[in-house]
Amino acid sequence: MSGVSLRYPAATRDALRDITLSVEAGGVTWLYGALGAGCSSLLLVAAGLAPRHTGGELSGRVSVLGVDPATEPGRRALAGRIGFVTADPVSQLSGVAATVWEEVAFAPANLGWPIERIGSAATDALVRLRIAHLRERDPATLSGGELQRVVIAAMLVLQPALWLLDEPASALDQGGRTRLGQLLAAEARRGAAVVVASEDADRMLAVAERLVVLDRGGVALDGPPAALLAGESIREHGAGSTAIAALARAAAAIVPSEAPPAALQPPYPLTVSDGLARWQ
C-alpha cells in the first residue's frame, strides 16, 4: 500500500495516516503499537474489509497480491488466497456448520473444490491445529481456545498466499501460542506472506523477522524486532517490549544514579537467558 489513509465515520482523526508499506512473501511481519495505533485498521484495509464493511473514507493506493481488494474484480481474484483471522473467533464462524469438520470445509466448498480435495485438506488442517479429536463437535460447544484453533484451521485449509492475523492467540494457552508461532513460521517457509498484529512481544520475538511499529495511524519504526525491542525509541511511540526488557528498564529507573550501570543501559536484554548472561 502507498500513501494510504483511512478515517472512520464520525471520527475526529485518521485511523491510518499516509501509510506506505509492503511485505514480502516467505516472511513474518509483526505489527505492534498502543491501543488505537492502527494495526487492526491496516489489516482490515489489506483484507478489503475497510471501508467496505466499516464505513468511512479511504485514500491512497492498495495492492494486495497484485490487485485492489476494494474492487469487485480484486475480490474475485483474491477469493481463497487470504487467510484473515481476528481476535474474536465467534464472529468468524459461518453460522451454518453443525460440526467442526463442516466449519473447516466451508470455505473450500464455497470455492467449488472437489470433495476429495476438501476432505484431504480439511483433515490435514485439523491435524496441524491438533483439533482432529473435535471433528464431530458442534462449534457452539467449544471453549474459546478450541474455537480460535478451529477458525485458524478454517483459513489454513485454503493454504493462503497471504495471512492477515489480528491477535490470533488471544484465547490460546501458552502451549497453544507456541504452536501457533510454529505454524506461522512454517507457513512463511511454505512461501506465504504472514502479517500479524500482536501485543505478545515475548512470543513474536521468536517468530517475526520484521517489526513495524505504528503510532497514531502512521509507521513510526520498521526494522529487526530484536534491535527495536531492545532500544528506547519503541517506548516513545507507546509500544512495549519483552518482560525481561521491561524489568531491566524498571531496574534502571530506580537506581539512585544519574547514569545507571552498563548492565542496566540499552540495548536491553530481551530473554531470560540474555538477562542471566548480562546480570550474573
Protein backbone atom coordinates (compact mmCIF):
# COMPACT_ATOMS: atom_id res chain seq x y z
CA MET A 1 0.00 0.00 0.00
CA SER A 2 1.14 3.53 -0.74
CA GLY A 3 0.02 6.78 0.87
CA VAL A 4 -2.99 5.08 2.47
CA SER A 5 -5.17 6.99 4.91
CA LEU A 6 -8.43 5.80 6.50
CA ARG A 7 -10.95 7.71 8.54
CA TYR A 8 -13.96 6.01 10.10
CA PRO A 9 -17.40 7.68 10.14
CA ALA A 10 -17.69 10.45 12.74
CA ALA A 11 -14.01 10.08 13.72
CA THR A 12 -12.03 13.22 14.50
CA ARG A 13 -8.73 11.88 13.17
CA ASP A 14 -7.46 9.32 10.70
CA ALA A 15 -7.17 5.71 11.87
CA LEU A 16 -4.42 5.31 9.26
CA ARG A 17 -2.27 8.22 8.20
CA ASP A 18 -0.27 8.18 4.96
CA ILE A 19 0.79 4.53 5.34
CA THR A 20 3.29 3.22 2.82
CA LEU A 21 4.16 -0.39 3.45
CA SER A 22 4.96 -3.55 1.51
CA VAL A 23 5.58 -7.06 2.77
CA GLU A 24 7.47 -9.90 1.14
CA ALA A 25 6.36 -13.47 0.67
CA GLY A 26 8.19 -16.00 2.79
CA GLY A 27 8.44 -13.92 5.96
CA VAL A 28 6.56 -12.94 9.13
CA THR A 29 5.88 -9.23 9.60
CA TRP A 30 4.76 -8.16 13.06
CA LEU A 31 2.56 -5.09 13.60
CA TYR A 32 2.85 -3.55 17.08
CA GLY A 33 1.57 -0.44 18.75
CA ALA A 34 -0.51 1.01 21.54
CA LEU A 35 -4.30 0.75 21.53
CA GLY A 36 -5.58 2.82 18.62
CA ALA A 37 -2.25 2.83 16.79
CA GLY A 38 -3.88 1.46 13.64
CA CYS A 39 -2.77 -2.18 13.50
CA SER A 40 -6.28 -3.62 13.19
CA SER A 41 -7.29 -0.96 10.68
CA LEU A 42 -4.30 -1.74 8.49
CA LEU A 43 -5.28 -5.42 8.39
CA LEU A 44 -8.89 -4.55 7.57
CA VAL A 45 -7.79 -2.38 4.66
CA ALA A 46 -5.45 -5.08 3.34
CA ALA A 47 -8.27 -7.61 3.54
CA GLY A 48 -10.63 -5.31 1.63
CA LEU A 49 -12.96 -5.06 4.64
CA ALA A 50 -12.39 -1.36 5.37
CA PRO A 51 -14.08 0.85 4.46
CA ARG A 52 -16.40 -1.56 2.63
CA HIS A 53 -17.84 -3.04 5.84
CA THR A 54 -16.77 -0.43 8.37
CA GLY A 55 -17.72 2.73 6.54
CA GLY A 56 -15.51 5.76 6.30
CA GLU A 57 -13.18 7.19 3.68
CA LEU A 58 -10.06 5.57 2.22
CA SER A 59 -7.41 7.29 0.14
CA GLY A 60 -4.15 6.13 -1.38
CA ARG A 61 -3.26 3.00 -3.32
CA VAL A 62 -3.84 -0.53 -2.01
CA SER A 63 -2.47 -3.53 -3.88
CA VAL A 64 -2.74 -6.99 -2.35
CA LEU A 65 -1.27 -9.91 -4.29
CA GLY A 66 -1.30 -7.63 -7.32
CA VAL A 67 -4.93 -6.48 -7.17
CA ASP A 68 -7.06 -3.91 -5.35
CA PRO A 69 -9.12 -5.75 -2.68
CA ALA A 70 -11.71 -2.96 -2.64
CA THR A 71 -12.89 -3.68 -6.21
CA GLU A 72 -15.15 -6.48 -7.36
CA PRO A 73 -12.53 -7.92 -9.77
CA GLY A 74 -9.98 -7.75 -6.96
CA ARG A 75 -12.25 -9.59 -4.54
CA ARG A 76 -12.84 -12.34 -7.09
CA ALA A 77 -9.10 -12.66 -7.74
CA LEU A 78 -8.35 -12.88 -4.01
CA ALA A 79 -11.03 -15.45 -3.15
CA GLY A 80 -9.36 -18.21 -1.18
CA ARG A 81 -5.95 -16.54 -1.25
CA ILE A 82 -6.15 -14.57 2.03
CA GLY A 83 -6.32 -16.10 5.48
CA PHE A 84 -7.91 -13.45 7.73
CA VAL A 85 -8.13 -14.16 11.47
CA THR A 86 -9.43 -11.85 14.19
CA ALA A 87 -9.21 -11.96 17.97
CA ASP A 88 -12.95 -12.79 18.12
CA PRO A 89 -13.39 -16.28 16.65
CA VAL A 90 -17.15 -16.31 17.24
CA SER A 91 -17.59 -13.51 14.71
CA GLN A 92 -15.83 -15.59 12.05
CA LEU A 93 -17.98 -18.70 12.24
CA SER A 94 -20.00 -19.46 9.14
CA GLY A 95 -23.15 -19.92 11.22
CA VAL A 96 -24.28 -22.89 9.12
CA ALA A 97 -21.83 -25.63 10.12
CA ALA A 98 -23.07 -28.30 12.51
CA THR A 99 -19.61 -29.75 13.14
CA VAL A 100 -16.00 -28.58 13.29
CA TRP A 101 -15.20 -30.54 10.13
CA GLU A 102 -18.01 -28.75 8.26
CA GLU A 103 -16.72 -25.39 9.51
CA VAL A 104 -13.22 -26.07 8.24
CA ALA A 105 -14.59 -27.41 4.94
CA PHE A 106 -16.98 -24.48 4.44
CA ALA A 107 -14.67 -22.07 2.55
CA PRO A 108 -13.20 -24.58 0.09
CA ALA A 109 -16.67 -25.98 -0.57
CA ASN A 110 -17.89 -22.49 -1.45
CA LEU A 111 -14.91 -22.12 -3.78
CA GLY A 112 -16.00 -25.23 -5.65
CA TRP A 113 -13.20 -27.57 -4.66
CA PRO A 114 -13.71 -31.28 -5.45
CA ILE A 115 -14.92 -33.24 -2.43
CA GLU A 116 -11.78 -35.40 -2.39
CA ARG A 117 -9.56 -32.32 -2.18
CA ILE A 118 -11.74 -30.80 0.53
CA GLY A 119 -11.59 -33.96 2.62
CA SER A 120 -7.83 -34.24 2.44
CA ALA A 121 -7.14 -30.55 3.07
CA ALA A 122 -9.64 -30.24 5.93
CA THR A 123 -8.27 -33.31 7.68
CA ASP A 124 -4.71 -32.03 7.34
CA ALA A 125 -5.70 -28.63 8.78
CA LEU A 126 -7.39 -30.27 11.77
CA VAL A 127 -4.32 -32.40 12.44
CA ARG A 128 -1.92 -29.46 12.20
CA LEU A 129 -4.00 -27.44 14.69
CA ARG A 130 -4.29 -30.51 16.95
CA ILE A 131 -8.09 -30.48 16.88
CA ALA A 132 -8.80 -33.65 14.92
CA HIS A 133 -10.48 -35.03 18.04
CA LEU A 134 -13.03 -32.20 17.80
CA ARG A 135 -14.04 -33.13 14.26
CA GLU A 136 -17.65 -34.04 15.09
CA ARG A 137 -18.21 -31.41 17.77
CA ASP A 138 -20.66 -28.56 17.34
CA PRO A 139 -18.56 -25.33 17.18
CA ALA A 140 -21.03 -23.68 19.56
CA THR A 141 -19.98 -26.09 22.32
CA LEU A 142 -16.24 -25.35 22.16
CA SER A 143 -14.08 -23.34 24.54
CA GLY A 144 -12.58 -20.05 23.38
CA GLY A 145 -9.18 -21.59 22.72
CA GLU A 146 -10.65 -24.53 20.82
CA LEU A 147 -12.79 -22.21 18.73
CA GLN A 148 -9.83 -20.00 17.91
CA ARG A 149 -7.94 -23.02 16.61
CA VAL A 150 -10.95 -24.01 14.50
CA VAL A 151 -11.04 -20.56 12.90
CA ILE A 152 -7.32 -20.73 12.14
CA ALA A 153 -7.79 -24.23 10.67
CA ALA A 154 -10.62 -22.86 8.51
CA MET A 155 -8.08 -20.47 6.98
CA LEU A 156 -5.19 -22.93 6.91
CA VAL A 157 -7.22 -25.33 4.76
CA LEU A 158 -7.00 -22.78 1.93
CA GLN A 159 -3.19 -22.64 2.03
CA PRO A 160 -3.43 -18.85 1.60
CA ALA A 161 -0.80 -16.78 -0.14
CA LEU A 162 -1.30 -14.04 2.47
CA TRP A 163 -2.09 -14.34 6.17
CA LEU A 164 -3.60 -11.35 7.97
CA LEU A 165 -3.97 -12.08 11.69
CA ASP A 166 -5.20 -9.75 14.42
CA GLU A 167 -4.29 -11.02 17.91
CA PRO A 168 -4.82 -14.62 16.77
CA ALA A 169 -3.62 -16.09 20.09
CA SER A 170 -5.90 -14.08 22.37
CA ALA A 171 -7.76 -17.16 23.66
CA LEU A 172 -4.90 -19.67 23.49
CA ASP A 173 -2.91 -21.03 26.40
CA GLN A 174 0.89 -20.89 26.43
CA GLY A 175 1.26 -24.19 24.62
CA GLY A 176 -1.25 -23.11 22.01
CA ARG A 177 0.58 -19.82 21.47
CA THR A 178 3.86 -21.62 20.94
CA ARG A 179 2.29 -24.00 18.41
CA LEU A 180 0.65 -21.09 16.60
CA GLY A 181 4.02 -19.37 16.29
CA GLN A 182 5.48 -22.55 14.85
CA LEU A 183 2.60 -22.82 12.39
CA LEU A 184 3.02 -19.24 11.17
CA ALA A 185 6.76 -19.75 10.73
CA ALA A 186 6.02 -22.90 8.73
CA GLU A 187 3.54 -21.00 6.57
CA ALA A 188 6.19 -18.39 5.82
CA ARG A 189 8.63 -21.14 4.87
CA ARG A 190 5.95 -22.51 2.54
CA GLY A 191 6.10 -19.16 0.76
CA ALA A 192 3.16 -17.26 2.25
CA ALA A 193 3.39 -13.66 3.38
CA VAL A 194 2.39 -13.54 7.06
CA VAL A 195 1.31 -10.30 8.78
CA VAL A 196 0.43 -10.48 12.48
CA ALA A 197 -0.82 -7.75 14.79
CA SER A 198 0.06 -8.81 18.32
CA GLU A 199 0.83 -7.41 21.76
CA ASP A 200 2.74 -10.57 22.74
CA ALA A 201 6.30 -9.31 22.35
CA ASP A 202 7.89 -12.32 24.04
CA ARG A 203 6.24 -14.73 21.62
CA MET A 204 6.57 -12.66 18.46
CA LEU A 205 10.29 -12.03 19.04
CA ALA A 206 10.87 -15.70 18.27
CA VAL A 207 8.65 -15.72 15.18
CA ALA A 208 8.93 -12.46 13.25
CA GLU A 209 11.77 -11.29 11.04
CA ARG A 210 10.40 -7.76 10.78
CA LEU A 211 8.72 -5.41 13.26
CA VAL A 212 6.58 -2.48 12.14
CA VAL A 213 5.60 -0.14 15.00
CA LEU A 214 2.54 2.01 14.38
CA ASP A 215 1.77 5.21 16.28
CA ARG A 216 -1.37 7.32 15.80
CA GLY A 217 -2.05 5.68 12.46
CA GLY A 218 1.41 6.06 10.93
CA VAL A 219 4.52 3.93 10.61
CA ALA A 220 6.87 5.01 13.40
CA LEU A 221 9.55 2.29 13.30
CA ASP A 222 10.38 -0.51 10.89
CA GLY A 223 13.22 -2.96 11.36
CA PRO A 224 14.52 -6.14 13.03
CA PRO A 225 12.44 -6.99 16.14
CA ALA A 226 15.40 -7.54 18.47
CA ALA A 227 17.03 -4.22 17.63
CA LEU A 228 13.82 -2.24 18.10
CA LEU A 229 12.63 -4.02 21.24
CA ALA A 230 15.99 -3.59 22.96
CA GLY A 231 16.15 0.16 22.39
CA GLU A 232 14.42 3.19 23.88
CA SER A 233 12.70 4.61 20.80
CA ILE A 234 9.95 2.00 20.84
CA ARG A 235 8.64 3.39 24.14
CA GLU A 236 8.41 6.87 22.65
CA HIS A 237 5.72 5.51 20.36
CA GLY A 238 3.61 3.82 23.02
CA ALA A 239 4.69 0.24 22.36
CA GLY A 240 6.22 -2.06 24.93
CA SER A 241 8.84 -4.79 24.84
CA THR A 242 9.52 -8.22 26.31
CA ALA A 243 9.05 -8.97 30.01
CA ILE A 244 12.81 -9.06 30.64
CA ALA A 245 13.39 -5.77 28.84
CA ALA A 246 10.62 -4.19 30.89
CA LEU A 247 12.28 -5.49 34.07
CA ALA A 248 15.62 -4.01 33.00
CA ARG A 249 14.03 -0.63 32.31
CA ALA A 250 12.26 -0.67 35.67
CA ALA A 251 15.51 -1.52 37.46
CA ALA A 252 17.35 1.30 35.67
CA ALA A 253 14.62 3.73 36.71
CA ILE A 254 15.09 3.06 40.44
CA VAL A 255 18.89 3.02 40.52
CA PRO A 256 19.97 6.07 42.60
CA SER A 257 22.35 7.38 39.99
CA GLU A 258 22.28 9.85 37.13
CA ALA A 259 23.91 7.20 34.95
CA PRO A 260 22.72 3.60 35.50
CA PRO A 261 25.44 0.97 35.32
CA ALA A 262 26.16 -0.51 31.91
CA ALA A 263 24.25 -3.66 32.81
CA LEU A 264 21.05 -1.59 33.04
CA GLN A 265 21.54 0.51 29.93
CA PRO A 266 20.24 -0.21 26.44
CA PRO A 267 20.32 -2.29 24.40
CA TYR A 268 18.27 -4.17 26.98
CA PRO A 269 18.26 -7.96 27.27
CA LEU A 270 15.13 -9.45 25.73
CA THR A 271 15.01 -13.01 27.07
CA VAL A 272 15.70 -14.76 30.37
CA SER A 273 18.93 -16.22 29.00
CA ASP A 274 20.02 -12.77 27.80
CA GLY A 275 19.28 -11.34 31.23
CA LEU A 276 21.20 -14.06 33.06
CA ALA A 277 24.18 -13.62 30.77
CA ARG A 278 24.30 -9.90 31.46
CA TRP A 279 23.48 -9.79 35.17
CA GLN A 280 25.28 -12.83 36.61
